[in-house]
Amino acid sequence: MLVNTSFNVRGEPIVCTPEDAFRCCLEDIFDLQNKIAASIVGAIGPKLEEAEIERAKRKPTESLDAYDFYLRGIASFHRMTKEGMDDALRLFRKAIELDAGFASAYGMAAYCYVWRKTNGWVTDRTHEIAETARLSRLAAELGKHDAVALGTGGFALAHVVGDLDGGAAMIDQALALNPNLATLWLLSGG
């Protein structure tokens, strides 16, 4: 005696007796679930791997010591005093010394010169303009995927060096990378 005649996801007939009607339906549901899961994994697997590669490229530094100096530099920077900026520059330079490819450290070091100029703490104008230009360009070169490096370096390039087009281009690139970074909107004037 047949209870149910229907078709599974492959279009094959399902014929169930009263004793195994429930089992047949569950097997078909689990088969469909497995196919959906396999399809999803197949579709997102390559994208997930690509995203992980990009994330690894954006990793600020392999050196924990360099990162420690960078974080200490950020803390000194946020004191917003002449001594704080001097200390921040020293700490960012130490981070760069430990990892010459640490783009965010270059950007933040350049950004210190913005505050030095803004507050009248410049001691050697010619040197500070040249150093800001050097740091900003290295932040851009090394930090193509680093919104902090591009944004802070770009603002310093515009404000201290006077390269408005170059600075704006760096900030625009930073915003394209991370439109949720509030500091970038402040720096962009947007």
N, C-alpha and C. Protein backbone atom coordinates (compact mmCIF):
# COMPACT_ATOMS: atom_id res chain seq x y z
N MET A 1 0.84 -1.15 0.00
CA MET A 1 0.00 0.00 0.00
C MET A 1 0.90 1.24 0.00
N LEU A 2 0.66 2.18 -0.95
CA LEU A 2 1.46 3.39 -1.08
C LEU A 2 0.79 4.53 -0.32
N VAL A 3 1.59 5.25 0.41
CA VAL A 3 1.09 6.40 1.14
C VAL A 3 1.37 7.68 0.37
N ASN A 4 2.56 7.77 -0.20
CA ASN A 4 2.98 9.04 -0.80
C ASN A 4 3.77 8.75 -2.07
N THR A 5 3.45 9.44 -3.11
CA THR A 5 4.27 9.40 -4.32
C THR A 5 4.55 10.85 -4.68
N SER A 6 5.82 11.26 -4.53
CA SER A 6 6.25 12.61 -4.90
C SER A 6 7.63 12.50 -5.50
N PHE A 7 8.29 13.61 -5.71
CA PHE A 7 9.59 13.62 -6.35
C PHE A 7 10.61 14.32 -5.46
N ASN A 8 11.85 13.78 -5.49
CA ASN A 8 12.91 14.41 -4.71
C ASN A 8 13.54 15.54 -5.52
N VAL A 9 14.59 16.17 -4.97
CA VAL A 9 15.22 17.33 -5.62
C VAL A 9 15.85 16.97 -6.96
N ARG A 10 16.15 15.70 -7.18
CA ARG A 10 16.73 15.28 -8.45
C ARG A 10 15.65 14.91 -9.46
N GLY A 11 14.39 15.02 -9.05
CA GLY A 11 13.28 14.69 -9.93
C GLY A 11 12.93 13.22 -9.95
N GLU A 12 13.53 12.44 -9.07
CA GLU A 12 13.26 11.00 -9.00
C GLU A 12 12.03 10.77 -8.14
N PRO A 13 11.20 9.77 -8.50
CA PRO A 13 10.00 9.53 -7.69
C PRO A 13 10.36 8.98 -6.31
N ILE A 14 9.61 9.42 -5.32
CA ILE A 14 9.75 8.92 -3.95
C ILE A 14 8.48 8.13 -3.67
N VAL A 15 8.65 6.87 -3.40
CA VAL A 15 7.50 6.02 -3.08
C VAL A 15 7.74 5.50 -1.66
N CYS A 16 6.84 5.84 -0.77
CA CYS A 16 7.02 5.48 0.64
C CYS A 16 5.83 4.66 1.14
N THR A 17 6.14 3.68 1.96
CA THR A 17 5.09 2.91 2.65
C THR A 17 4.79 3.62 3.95
N PRO A 18 3.72 3.27 4.63
CA PRO A 18 3.40 3.95 5.89
C PRO A 18 4.54 3.86 6.90
N GLU A 19 5.26 2.74 6.90
CA GLU A 19 6.31 2.55 7.90
C GLU A 19 7.50 3.50 7.67
N ASP A 20 7.80 3.79 6.41
CA ASP A 20 9.00 4.62 6.21
C ASP A 20 8.70 5.97 5.55
N ALA A 21 7.45 6.42 5.60
CA ALA A 21 7.10 7.71 5.02
C ALA A 21 7.88 8.84 5.69
N PHE A 22 7.94 8.80 7.01
CA PHE A 22 8.65 9.84 7.74
C PHE A 22 10.14 9.81 7.41
N ARG A 23 10.74 8.60 7.37
CA ARG A 23 12.16 8.44 7.08
C ARG A 23 12.48 8.94 5.68
N CYS A 24 11.63 8.65 4.69
CA CYS A 24 11.87 9.08 3.30
C CYS A 24 11.91 10.60 3.21
N CYS A 25 10.97 11.25 3.84
CA CYS A 25 10.90 12.71 3.78
C CYS A 25 12.13 13.34 4.43
N LEU A 26 12.56 12.80 5.58
CA LEU A 26 13.74 13.34 6.25
C LEU A 26 15.00 13.13 5.42
N GLU A 27 15.14 11.96 4.81
CA GLU A 27 16.32 11.71 3.97
C GLU A 27 16.38 12.71 2.83
N ASP A 28 15.24 13.02 2.23
CA ASP A 28 15.21 13.96 1.12
C ASP A 28 15.57 15.37 1.60
N ILE A 29 15.08 15.75 2.78
CA ILE A 29 15.39 17.06 3.34
C ILE A 29 16.88 17.16 3.64
N PHE A 30 17.46 16.11 4.25
CA PHE A 30 18.88 16.14 4.57
C PHE A 30 19.73 16.14 3.31
N ASP A 31 19.29 15.46 2.27
CA ASP A 31 20.00 15.48 1.00
C ASP A 31 20.01 16.90 0.42
N LEU A 32 18.87 17.55 0.46
CA LEU A 32 18.77 18.93 -0.02
C LEU A 32 19.65 19.85 0.83
N GLN A 33 19.62 19.68 2.14
CA GLN A 33 20.45 20.48 3.04
C GLN A 33 21.93 20.30 2.71
N ASN A 34 22.37 19.08 2.49
CA ASN A 34 23.78 18.82 2.14
C ASN A 34 24.16 19.48 0.83
N LYS A 35 23.26 19.45 -0.15
CA LYS A 35 23.55 20.07 -1.45
C LYS A 35 23.66 21.59 -1.31
N ILE A 36 22.77 22.17 -0.51
CA ILE A 36 22.83 23.63 -0.30
C ILE A 36 24.11 24.01 0.41
N ALA A 37 24.47 23.26 1.45
CA ALA A 37 25.69 23.55 2.20
C ALA A 37 26.92 23.43 1.30
N ALA A 38 26.98 22.40 0.48
CA ALA A 38 28.12 22.21 -0.43
C ALA A 38 28.19 23.35 -1.43
N SER A 39 27.04 23.79 -1.91
CA SER A 39 27.00 24.89 -2.87
C SER A 39 27.49 26.20 -2.24
N ILE A 40 27.06 26.46 -1.02
CA ILE A 40 27.48 27.68 -0.31
C ILE A 40 28.98 27.65 -0.05
N VAL A 41 29.47 26.55 0.45
CA VAL A 41 30.91 26.43 0.73
C VAL A 41 31.70 26.59 -0.55
N GLY A 42 31.23 26.00 -1.62
CA GLY A 42 31.92 26.12 -2.91
C GLY A 42 31.95 27.55 -3.41
N ALA A 43 30.88 28.30 -3.12
CA ALA A 43 30.80 29.68 -3.60
C ALA A 43 31.63 30.63 -2.72
N ILE A 44 31.60 30.46 -1.40
CA ILE A 44 32.29 31.43 -0.54
C ILE A 44 33.72 31.03 -0.20
N GLY A 45 34.08 29.78 -0.40
CA GLY A 45 35.43 29.34 -0.08
C GLY A 45 36.51 30.18 -0.74
N PRO A 46 36.48 30.33 -2.05
CA PRO A 46 37.51 31.15 -2.71
C PRO A 46 37.46 32.63 -2.26
N LYS A 47 36.28 33.16 -2.04
CA LYS A 47 36.16 34.55 -1.59
C LYS A 47 36.72 34.72 -0.19
N LEU A 48 36.48 33.74 0.67
CA LEU A 48 36.99 33.79 2.03
C LEU A 48 38.52 33.75 2.01
N GLU A 49 39.08 32.88 1.19
CA GLU A 49 40.53 32.80 1.08
C GLU A 49 41.11 34.12 0.57
N GLU A 50 40.48 34.71 -0.42
CA GLU A 50 40.92 35.99 -0.97
C GLU A 50 40.86 37.08 0.11
N ALA A 51 39.80 37.09 0.89
CA ALA A 51 39.66 38.08 1.96
C ALA A 51 40.75 37.89 3.02
N GLU A 52 41.08 36.66 3.34
CA GLU A 52 42.13 36.39 4.32
C GLU A 52 43.50 36.85 3.81
N ILE A 53 43.76 36.66 2.53
CA ILE A 53 45.02 37.12 1.94
C ILE A 53 45.10 38.64 2.04
N GLU A 54 44.01 39.34 1.70
CA GLU A 54 43.98 40.80 1.78
C GLU A 54 44.14 41.27 3.22
N ARG A 55 43.50 40.58 4.16
CA ARG A 55 43.63 40.93 5.57
C ARG A 55 45.08 40.79 6.03
N ALA A 56 45.72 39.71 5.59
CA ALA A 56 47.12 39.49 5.97
C ALA A 56 48.02 40.58 5.40
N LYS A 57 47.70 41.05 4.21
CA LYS A 57 48.49 42.14 3.61
C LYS A 57 48.36 43.42 4.42
N ARG A 58 47.20 43.63 5.05
CA ARG A 58 46.96 44.85 5.81
C ARG A 58 47.46 44.75 7.25
N LYS A 59 47.93 43.60 7.64
CA LYS A 59 48.44 43.43 9.00
C LYS A 59 49.54 44.47 9.21
N PRO A 60 49.45 45.26 10.26
CA PRO A 60 50.37 46.39 10.37
C PRO A 60 51.84 46.00 10.45
N THR A 61 52.16 44.97 11.19
CA THR A 61 53.57 44.59 11.34
C THR A 61 53.65 43.19 11.93
N GLU A 62 54.72 42.51 11.63
CA GLU A 62 54.99 41.21 12.24
C GLU A 62 55.70 41.38 13.58
N SER A 63 56.29 42.55 13.78
CA SER A 63 57.08 42.80 14.97
C SER A 63 56.19 43.31 16.11
N LEU A 64 56.07 42.51 17.14
CA LEU A 64 55.28 42.94 18.30
C LEU A 64 55.94 44.12 19.00
N ASP A 65 57.27 44.18 18.99
CA ASP A 65 57.96 45.31 19.59
C ASP A 65 57.67 46.59 18.82
N ALA A 66 57.69 46.51 17.48
CA ALA A 66 57.37 47.69 16.66
C ALA A 66 55.94 48.14 16.93
N TYR A 67 55.04 47.19 17.03
CA TYR A 67 53.64 47.53 17.29
C TYR A 67 53.48 48.14 18.67
N ASP A 68 54.23 47.67 19.65
CA ASP A 68 54.20 48.24 20.99
C ASP A 68 54.66 49.69 20.97
N PHE A 69 55.75 49.97 20.27
CA PHE A 69 56.22 51.36 20.16
C PHE A 69 55.19 52.22 19.43
N TYR A 70 54.56 51.67 18.41
CA TYR A 70 53.53 52.40 17.68
C TYR A 70 52.36 52.76 18.60
N LEU A 71 51.86 51.80 19.38
CA LEU A 71 50.75 52.07 20.29
C LEU A 71 51.13 53.09 21.36
N ARG A 72 52.34 53.00 21.85
CA ARG A 72 52.82 53.98 22.83
C ARG A 72 52.92 55.36 22.18
N GLY A 73 53.32 55.38 20.90
CA GLY A 73 53.36 56.64 20.15
C GLY A 73 51.98 57.25 20.01
N ILE A 74 50.99 56.41 19.73
CA ILE A 74 49.60 56.89 19.63
C ILE A 74 49.18 57.51 20.97
N ALA A 75 49.50 56.85 22.07
CA ALA A 75 49.14 57.37 23.39
C ALA A 75 49.82 58.72 23.63
N SER A 76 51.08 58.83 23.29
CA SER A 76 51.79 60.10 23.47
C SER A 76 51.22 61.18 22.57
N PHE A 77 50.89 60.82 21.34
CA PHE A 77 50.29 61.76 20.39
C PHE A 77 49.01 62.36 20.98
N HIS A 78 48.19 61.54 21.59
CA HIS A 78 46.90 61.99 22.12
C HIS A 78 47.02 62.85 23.38
N ARG A 79 48.22 63.00 23.89
CA ARG A 79 48.41 63.96 25.00
C ARG A 79 48.27 65.38 24.45
N MET A 80 48.53 65.57 23.16
CA MET A 80 48.36 66.85 22.45
C MET A 80 49.18 67.99 23.07
N THR A 81 50.36 67.64 23.57
CA THR A 81 51.29 68.64 24.09
C THR A 81 52.56 68.59 23.27
N LYS A 82 53.38 69.62 23.39
CA LYS A 82 54.66 69.62 22.67
C LYS A 82 55.50 68.41 23.09
N GLU A 83 55.54 68.16 24.39
CA GLU A 83 56.31 67.02 24.88
C GLU A 83 55.71 65.71 24.38
N GLY A 84 54.38 65.64 24.34
CA GLY A 84 53.71 64.45 23.82
C GLY A 84 54.05 64.21 22.36
N MET A 85 54.07 65.27 21.55
CA MET A 85 54.42 65.12 20.12
C MET A 85 55.87 64.70 19.96
N ASP A 86 56.77 65.30 20.76
CA ASP A 86 58.18 64.92 20.70
C ASP A 86 58.34 63.43 21.06
N ASP A 87 57.66 63.01 22.11
CA ASP A 87 57.72 61.61 22.53
C ASP A 87 57.10 60.70 21.46
N ALA A 88 55.97 61.12 20.89
CA ALA A 88 55.31 60.32 19.85
C ALA A 88 56.25 60.15 18.65
N LEU A 89 56.89 61.22 18.21
CA LEU A 89 57.83 61.11 17.09
C LEU A 89 58.95 60.12 17.40
N ARG A 90 59.49 60.21 18.60
CA ARG A 90 60.55 59.29 19.01
C ARG A 90 60.07 57.84 18.97
N LEU A 91 58.86 57.60 19.46
CA LEU A 91 58.31 56.24 19.51
C LEU A 91 57.97 55.73 18.10
N PHE A 92 57.40 56.59 17.24
CA PHE A 92 57.12 56.17 15.87
C PHE A 92 58.42 55.86 15.12
N ARG A 93 59.45 56.66 15.36
CA ARG A 93 60.76 56.39 14.72
C ARG A 93 61.33 55.05 15.20
N LYS A 94 61.14 54.75 16.47
CA LYS A 94 61.61 53.46 17.01
C LYS A 94 60.83 52.31 16.35
N ALA A 95 59.53 52.47 16.16
CA ALA A 95 58.72 51.45 15.49
C ALA A 95 59.22 51.24 14.06
N ILE A 96 59.53 52.33 13.37
CA ILE A 96 60.04 52.26 12.00
C ILE A 96 61.41 51.61 11.97
N GLU A 97 62.23 51.91 12.96
CA GLU A 97 63.56 51.30 13.05
C GLU A 97 63.44 49.78 13.17
N LEU A 98 62.45 49.32 13.93
CA LEU A 98 62.25 47.88 14.13
C LEU A 98 61.57 47.21 12.93
N ASP A 99 60.75 47.97 12.21
CA ASP A 99 60.07 47.43 11.02
C ASP A 99 59.96 48.55 9.99
N ALA A 100 60.90 48.56 9.07
CA ALA A 100 60.98 49.63 8.06
C ALA A 100 59.79 49.62 7.10
N GLY A 101 58.95 48.60 7.14
CA GLY A 101 57.79 48.53 6.27
C GLY A 101 56.48 48.87 6.97
N PHE A 102 56.54 49.39 8.17
CA PHE A 102 55.36 49.66 9.00
C PHE A 102 54.75 51.00 8.58
N ALA A 103 53.85 50.95 7.60
CA ALA A 103 53.30 52.14 6.96
C ALA A 103 52.57 53.07 7.93
N SER A 104 51.78 52.52 8.84
CA SER A 104 51.03 53.38 9.78
C SER A 104 51.96 54.21 10.65
N ALA A 105 53.11 53.66 10.99
CA ALA A 105 54.07 54.41 11.81
C ALA A 105 54.60 55.61 11.03
N TYR A 106 54.84 55.44 9.73
CA TYR A 106 55.27 56.57 8.89
C TYR A 106 54.17 57.64 8.83
N GLY A 107 52.94 57.20 8.62
CA GLY A 107 51.83 58.14 8.54
C GLY A 107 51.64 58.93 9.83
N MET A 108 51.69 58.24 10.95
CA MET A 108 51.50 58.92 12.24
C MET A 108 52.68 59.83 12.57
N ALA A 109 53.89 59.43 12.19
CA ALA A 109 55.04 60.32 12.41
C ALA A 109 54.87 61.60 11.60
N ALA A 110 54.42 61.46 10.35
CA ALA A 110 54.16 62.65 9.53
C ALA A 110 53.06 63.50 10.16
N TYR A 111 52.06 62.86 10.70
CA TYR A 111 50.93 63.57 11.30
C TYR A 111 51.36 64.37 12.54
N CYS A 112 52.40 63.91 13.22
CA CYS A 112 52.93 64.68 14.36
C CYS A 112 53.38 66.07 13.90
N TYR A 113 53.94 66.14 12.71
CA TYR A 113 54.41 67.43 12.20
C TYR A 113 53.24 68.37 11.90
N VAL A 114 52.07 67.82 11.62
CA VAL A 114 50.87 68.66 11.45
C VAL A 114 50.61 69.41 12.76
N TRP A 115 50.65 68.67 13.86
CA TRP A 115 50.36 69.29 15.15
C TRP A 115 51.47 70.24 15.57
N ARG A 116 52.68 69.92 15.22
CA ARG A 116 53.79 70.83 15.52
C ARG A 116 53.59 72.15 14.78
N LYS A 117 53.22 72.08 13.50
CA LYS A 117 52.98 73.30 12.73
C LYS A 117 51.77 74.05 13.26
N THR A 118 50.68 73.35 13.50
CA THR A 118 49.43 73.96 13.96
C THR A 118 49.61 74.72 15.26
N ASN A 119 50.46 74.19 16.14
CA ASN A 119 50.62 74.79 17.46
C ASN A 119 51.86 75.68 17.59
N GLY A 120 52.57 75.91 16.50
CA GLY A 120 53.74 76.78 16.54
C GLY A 120 54.94 76.16 17.23
N TRP A 121 55.04 74.83 17.18
CA TRP A 121 56.15 74.13 17.83
C TRP A 121 57.27 73.77 16.85
N VAL A 122 57.24 74.29 15.65
CA VAL A 122 58.25 73.98 14.64
C VAL A 122 59.58 74.59 15.08
N THR A 123 60.64 73.79 14.99
CA THR A 123 61.97 74.28 15.37
C THR A 123 62.85 74.55 14.15
N ASP A 124 62.68 73.78 13.10
CA ASP A 124 63.45 73.96 11.86
C ASP A 124 62.50 73.71 10.69
N ARG A 125 61.90 74.78 10.21
CA ARG A 125 60.83 74.68 9.21
C ARG A 125 61.25 73.88 7.98
N THR A 126 62.40 74.18 7.42
CA THR A 126 62.87 73.50 6.20
C THR A 126 63.02 72.00 6.44
N HIS A 127 63.65 71.65 7.56
CA HIS A 127 63.84 70.24 7.89
C HIS A 127 62.50 69.54 8.11
N GLU A 128 61.59 70.18 8.83
CA GLU A 128 60.32 69.53 9.14
C GLU A 128 59.45 69.35 7.91
N ILE A 129 59.50 70.28 6.97
CA ILE A 129 58.76 70.12 5.71
C ILE A 129 59.34 68.95 4.92
N ALA A 130 60.66 68.88 4.82
CA ALA A 130 61.31 67.78 4.09
C ALA A 130 61.04 66.44 4.75
N GLU A 131 61.10 66.41 6.07
CA GLU A 131 60.85 65.15 6.79
C GLU A 131 59.39 64.72 6.66
N THR A 132 58.47 65.67 6.72
CA THR A 132 57.06 65.35 6.53
C THR A 132 56.81 64.79 5.14
N ALA A 133 57.43 65.40 4.13
CA ALA A 133 57.28 64.91 2.75
C ALA A 133 57.81 63.48 2.63
N ARG A 134 58.97 63.23 3.22
CA ARG A 134 59.57 61.89 3.17
C ARG A 134 58.69 60.87 3.85
N LEU A 135 58.24 61.18 5.06
CA LEU A 135 57.40 60.25 5.81
C LEU A 135 56.07 60.00 5.11
N SER A 136 55.46 61.05 4.59
CA SER A 136 54.17 60.91 3.90
C SER A 136 54.29 60.05 2.65
N ARG A 137 55.34 60.26 1.90
CA ARG A 137 55.52 59.48 0.67
C ARG A 137 55.82 58.01 0.98
N LEU A 138 56.55 57.76 2.04
CA LEU A 138 56.79 56.37 2.45
C LEU A 138 55.50 55.73 2.97
N ALA A 139 54.68 56.51 3.67
CA ALA A 139 53.39 55.98 4.14
C ALA A 139 52.55 55.57 2.94
N ALA A 140 52.55 56.39 1.88
CA ALA A 140 51.77 56.07 0.67
C ALA A 140 52.35 54.87 -0.07
N GLU A 141 53.65 54.83 -0.18
CA GLU A 141 54.32 53.74 -0.91
C GLU A 141 54.15 52.40 -0.21
N LEU A 142 54.31 52.40 1.10
CA LEU A 142 54.25 51.15 1.87
C LEU A 142 52.83 50.79 2.28
N GLY A 143 51.93 51.77 2.31
CA GLY A 143 50.60 51.54 2.86
C GLY A 143 49.48 51.63 1.85
N LYS A 144 49.67 51.06 0.70
CA LYS A 144 48.64 51.11 -0.35
C LYS A 144 47.30 50.54 0.11
N HIS A 145 47.33 49.68 1.12
CA HIS A 145 46.11 49.06 1.65
C HIS A 145 45.88 49.45 3.11
N ASP A 146 46.49 50.54 3.55
CA ASP A 146 46.43 50.95 4.95
C ASP A 146 45.79 52.34 5.04
N ALA A 147 44.53 52.38 5.45
CA ALA A 147 43.79 53.64 5.50
C ALA A 147 44.40 54.64 6.48
N VAL A 148 44.92 54.16 7.60
CA VAL A 148 45.53 55.07 8.58
C VAL A 148 46.77 55.72 7.99
N ALA A 149 47.64 54.92 7.39
CA ALA A 149 48.87 55.45 6.80
C ALA A 149 48.56 56.47 5.71
N LEU A 150 47.62 56.12 4.84
CA LEU A 150 47.28 57.02 3.74
C LEU A 150 46.60 58.29 4.23
N GLY A 151 45.68 58.17 5.17
CA GLY A 151 44.95 59.33 5.65
C GLY A 151 45.82 60.31 6.42
N THR A 152 46.58 59.80 7.37
CA THR A 152 47.43 60.69 8.18
C THR A 152 48.58 61.24 7.35
N GLY A 153 49.18 60.38 6.53
CA GLY A 153 50.26 60.85 5.65
C GLY A 153 49.76 61.85 4.63
N GLY A 154 48.56 61.62 4.10
CA GLY A 154 47.99 62.53 3.12
C GLY A 154 47.68 63.89 3.71
N PHE A 155 47.12 63.92 4.91
CA PHE A 155 46.82 65.20 5.54
C PHE A 155 48.10 65.96 5.83
N ALA A 156 49.13 65.25 6.30
CA ALA A 156 50.41 65.90 6.58
C ALA A 156 51.03 66.44 5.29
N LEU A 157 50.94 65.68 4.22
CA LEU A 157 51.48 66.13 2.93
C LEU A 157 50.79 67.42 2.49
N ALA A 158 49.50 67.51 2.67
CA ALA A 158 48.75 68.71 2.28
C ALA A 158 49.04 69.87 3.23
N HIS A 159 48.93 69.63 4.53
CA HIS A 159 49.00 70.71 5.52
C HIS A 159 50.42 71.25 5.74
N VAL A 160 51.38 70.36 5.86
CA VAL A 160 52.74 70.79 6.18
C VAL A 160 53.54 71.09 4.92
N VAL A 161 53.46 70.20 3.95
CA VAL A 161 54.27 70.32 2.73
C VAL A 161 53.61 71.27 1.72
N GLY A 162 52.29 71.32 1.73
CA GLY A 162 51.57 72.16 0.79
C GLY A 162 51.20 71.46 -0.50
N ASP A 163 51.38 70.14 -0.55
CA ASP A 163 50.99 69.36 -1.72
C ASP A 163 49.52 68.95 -1.56
N LEU A 164 48.64 69.89 -1.90
CA LEU A 164 47.21 69.67 -1.69
C LEU A 164 46.66 68.54 -2.55
N ASP A 165 47.06 68.48 -3.81
CA ASP A 165 46.55 67.42 -4.69
C ASP A 165 47.03 66.05 -4.25
N GLY A 166 48.32 65.94 -3.93
CA GLY A 166 48.85 64.66 -3.47
C GLY A 166 48.21 64.21 -2.16
N GLY A 167 48.04 65.15 -1.23
CA GLY A 167 47.41 64.83 0.05
C GLY A 167 45.96 64.41 -0.12
N ALA A 168 45.23 65.15 -0.96
CA ALA A 168 43.82 64.82 -1.20
C ALA A 168 43.68 63.44 -1.84
N ALA A 169 44.58 63.11 -2.76
CA ALA A 169 44.53 61.80 -3.42
C ALA A 169 44.76 60.68 -2.40
N MET A 170 45.69 60.89 -1.47
CA MET A 170 45.94 59.87 -0.45
C MET A 170 44.74 59.71 0.47
N ILE A 171 44.12 60.83 0.86
CA ILE A 171 42.95 60.75 1.74
C ILE A 171 41.79 60.08 1.01
N ASP A 172 41.59 60.40 -0.26
CA ASP A 172 40.53 59.75 -1.04
C ASP A 172 40.75 58.25 -1.12
N GLN A 173 42.01 57.85 -1.32
CA GLN A 173 42.32 56.41 -1.38
C GLN A 173 42.05 55.76 -0.02
N ALA A 174 42.38 56.46 1.06
CA ALA A 174 42.13 55.94 2.40
C ALA A 174 40.63 55.76 2.64
N LEU A 175 39.84 56.75 2.22
CA LEU A 175 38.39 56.65 2.39
C LEU A 175 37.80 55.51 1.57
N ALA A 176 38.37 55.26 0.40
CA ALA A 176 37.90 54.12 -0.41
C ALA A 176 38.19 52.80 0.30
N LEU A 177 39.32 52.74 1.01
CA LEU A 177 39.68 51.53 1.75
C LEU A 177 38.82 51.34 2.99
N ASN A 178 38.56 52.44 3.70
CA ASN A 178 37.80 52.33 4.96
C ASN A 178 36.91 53.56 5.13
N PRO A 179 35.72 53.52 4.53
CA PRO A 179 34.82 54.66 4.65
C PRO A 179 34.21 54.83 6.04
N ASN A 180 34.50 53.91 6.96
CA ASN A 180 33.96 53.98 8.31
C ASN A 180 34.94 54.56 9.32
N LEU A 181 36.11 54.97 8.87
CA LEU A 181 37.11 55.53 9.77
C LEU A 181 36.83 57.02 9.94
N ALA A 182 36.25 57.38 11.08
CA ALA A 182 35.77 58.75 11.32
C ALA A 182 36.87 59.78 11.16
N THR A 183 38.07 59.48 11.60
CA THR A 183 39.18 60.42 11.50
C THR A 183 39.41 60.84 10.05
N LEU A 184 39.23 59.90 9.13
CA LEU A 184 39.44 60.23 7.72
C LEU A 184 38.43 61.26 7.23
N TRP A 185 37.20 61.16 7.70
CA TRP A 185 36.20 62.14 7.29
C TRP A 185 36.55 63.51 7.85
N LEU A 186 37.08 63.56 9.05
CA LEU A 186 37.53 64.82 9.63
C LEU A 186 38.67 65.39 8.79
N LEU A 187 39.64 64.55 8.45
CA LEU A 187 40.80 65.00 7.69
C LEU A 187 40.42 65.42 6.26
N SER A 188 39.40 64.80 5.71
CA SER A 188 39.01 65.10 4.34
C SER A 188 38.16 66.37 4.25
N GLY A 189 37.69 66.83 5.40
CA GLY A 189 36.81 68.00 5.40
C GLY A 189 35.37 67.64 5.10
N GLY A 190 35.10 66.34 4.95
CA GLY A 190 33.75 65.89 4.58
C GLY A 190 32.83 65.68 5.74
